[in-house]
Amino acid sequence: MNTMNTTDRIARSSARTLLATAALAALLGLPAVAQDAAPAAPAAPKMPAAPALKELPVEGQKPSAKDVFAKHLEATGGKAAWEAKKSMVATGAIEIPAAQLKGAMKTTAAAPDRVAVNMELPGIGTTSQCFDGTVGWSMDPMRGPAIMGEKEVEQMKRDANFLRDLQMANDPGTAEVAGLVEFEGTPCWHVKVDGNSYLYAKDTGLMKGIRMTAATPMGDLPVTVLMEEYKDFGDVKMATRSTTKVMGQVQVMSFEAVEWNAAKDEAFAMPAEIKAMKDASKDAGAPAEKDAAAPAPKAAP
């Protein structure tokens, strides 16, 4: 795993899965009684503007994006330690406090760009997203199996790239430091990359959070992720707690165990339902991945 830190990768890949879970909880009326009638397919909402980050005065010259990435790399274990990582299996829990839901979560990732996120929530069932290096798909109890559209696949592929952060530490490209801001009470360097905001604690160099736009079946939505409680897993350091905020929903991921270089190919295997959808689309002469429309939600049980 050639990356300065997998925490942001996990958070960004998982955020889209968490959005689906939030929608499920809302549509099912959890923790209230489920609706009697099948809900209508969600329309893309108007994306609200994210609140502005409070700017702080900078003493002296602000660092370059390369400087910020390099400090983060060293703070989380260093180049050699991360280059030795080729895959990861992280297990833990996911919680939606407002819905009083808590379940198990597992993230599996392998170089160069494969990732699978699986969640099991009581009363809802299993929700999963996967990118096998070519095709991206999702499966959940409400929408059923679905092949991701081009925009979702592009984000999934970028987020799953194990080399991306290390590459950016060597060559940040168009990434730039917008300034020093306050994020969750912590002075952070605000680095803009591909239209998203990455926030690194000024004192420690550790990533404190992300503010991004995620492509979802409900449209492009603003997501804020707070990263906390960094711990050592072997010779590298990762955040063990990530709080995701989207559309008024708050969801918390916590990782308890991480295994390096232990991922199996079957974790990224395409389910029979997805393969059938892809084959049917090919037979019909239309690519399954291109702007795939989300299927209408199933009736709540």
Foldseek 3Di string as FASTA:
>chain_A
DQALALFQLCCQLCVQLVVVVVVLLVQQVAPDHGDPWADWFAAQDDADDDDDFAADDDDDDDDWPLVLLQLSSVLFFHRVVLVVFFKKKWKFKKDFVVRRKIWIWIWIAGPAFWIKIWIQIPPWGIWIWIDLLDWIWIAGQWQGIATAAPVQNVSSRQSRGSNVSVVCNVPVDPKGFPHWGADPNATWTWIDDPNKTWTAGPPRSHTQWIWDWHQHLSGTYTKIKGFDDWDDQDSTIHGQWIWIDTPNTIMIGGTDHMDTPPDDSVSRDDDPVVVVQQVVCVVVVHGRHHVHHGGITDGRD
